[in-house]
Amino acid sequence: MSAETDAAVIAIIEDVLNAGAVTPADDFYEFGGTSLQAVRICVRVQTELGRRVEPDALFDGERIADFLAAVAAADAS
């Protein structure tokens, strides 16, 4: 995945979580992330970037970097 795509995913996460700067090293739960927010993030990633990824990718990963990797590995819709 490109740096531009990573930046777009991080911008989506920041917007949905209403958070300040988010980095790949951050943890979704440290920002108070909820299951509803995870679904919103995944829907926006699919809508805006054409990548289908399940919310479990946010729940199961230790860091945002793990989610970025899941997005990179996801099939384009």
Protein backbone atom coordinates (compact mmCIF):
# COMPACT_ATOMS: atom_id res chain seq x y z
CA MET A 1 0.00 0.00 0.00
CA SER A 2 1.24 3.46 -0.75
CA ALA A 3 2.06 6.21 1.70
CA GLU A 4 -0.90 8.15 0.27
CA THR A 5 -3.27 5.29 1.05
CA ASP A 6 -1.85 4.93 4.56
CA ALA A 7 -2.38 8.66 5.07
CA ALA A 8 -5.96 8.41 3.79
CA VAL A 9 -6.75 5.53 6.16
CA ILE A 10 -5.22 7.39 9.09
CA ALA A 11 -7.25 10.51 8.19
CA ILE A 12 -10.43 8.39 8.21
CA ILE A 13 -9.52 6.97 11.62
CA GLU A 14 -8.78 10.44 13.01
CA ASP A 15 -12.11 11.74 11.70
CA VAL A 16 -14.24 8.86 12.97
CA LEU A 17 -12.54 8.79 16.37
CA ASN A 18 -12.57 12.59 16.54
CA ALA A 19 -8.94 12.26 17.57
CA GLY A 20 -5.89 14.37 17.10
CA ALA A 21 -2.92 12.93 15.31
CA VAL A 22 -3.01 9.15 14.97
CA THR A 23 0.14 7.22 14.08
CA PRO A 24 0.64 3.61 12.98
CA ALA A 25 2.12 2.88 16.42
CA ASP A 26 -1.09 3.91 18.20
CA ASP A 27 -3.69 1.51 19.59
CA PHE A 28 -7.34 1.80 18.47
CA TYR A 29 -8.51 1.30 22.06
CA GLU A 30 -6.28 4.06 23.46
CA PHE A 31 -8.53 6.51 21.61
CA GLY A 32 -11.65 4.96 23.14
CA GLY A 33 -12.50 3.16 19.90
CA THR A 34 -15.81 1.30 19.90
CA SER A 35 -17.29 -1.41 17.71
CA LEU A 36 -19.58 1.11 16.03
CA GLN A 37 -16.61 3.32 15.21
CA ALA A 38 -14.74 0.31 13.82
CA VAL A 39 -17.66 -0.40 11.50
CA ARG A 40 -17.75 3.25 10.41
CA ILE A 41 -14.03 3.21 9.68
CA CYS A 42 -14.33 0.05 7.60
CA VAL A 43 -17.32 1.37 5.64
CA ARG A 44 -15.45 4.57 4.83
CA VAL A 45 -12.32 2.66 3.82
CA GLN A 46 -14.43 0.61 1.43
CA THR A 47 -16.37 3.61 0.11
CA GLU A 48 -13.44 5.99 -0.25
CA LEU A 49 -10.58 3.61 -1.05
CA GLY A 50 -12.32 0.58 -2.53
CA ARG A 51 -10.81 -1.82 0.01
CA ARG A 52 -13.06 -4.19 1.93
CA VAL A 53 -11.78 -4.92 5.42
CA GLU A 54 -13.65 -6.30 8.40
CA PRO A 55 -13.87 -4.49 11.77
CA ASP A 56 -12.09 -7.47 13.35
CA ALA A 57 -8.92 -6.11 11.77
CA LEU A 58 -9.13 -3.18 14.20
CA PHE A 59 -10.11 -5.35 17.16
CA ASP A 60 -7.52 -8.05 16.64
CA GLY A 61 -4.54 -5.87 15.79
CA GLU A 62 -2.27 -4.47 18.43
CA ARG A 63 -1.67 -1.22 16.58
CA ILE A 64 -3.08 0.93 13.79
CA ALA A 65 -0.19 -0.42 11.69
CA ASP A 66 -1.83 -3.86 11.83
CA PHE A 67 -5.03 -2.36 10.41
CA LEU A 68 -3.05 -0.60 7.69
CA ALA A 69 -1.54 -3.97 6.76
CA ALA A 70 -5.02 -5.53 6.64
CA VAL A 71 -6.21 -2.74 4.34
CA ALA A 72 -3.18 -3.28 2.10
CA ALA A 73 -3.92 -7.01 1.92
CA ALA A 74 -7.65 -6.52 1.30
CA ASP A 75 -9.16 -7.19 -2.07
CA ALA A 76 -10.33 -4.14 -3.94
CA SER A 77 -14.12 -4.11 -4.17
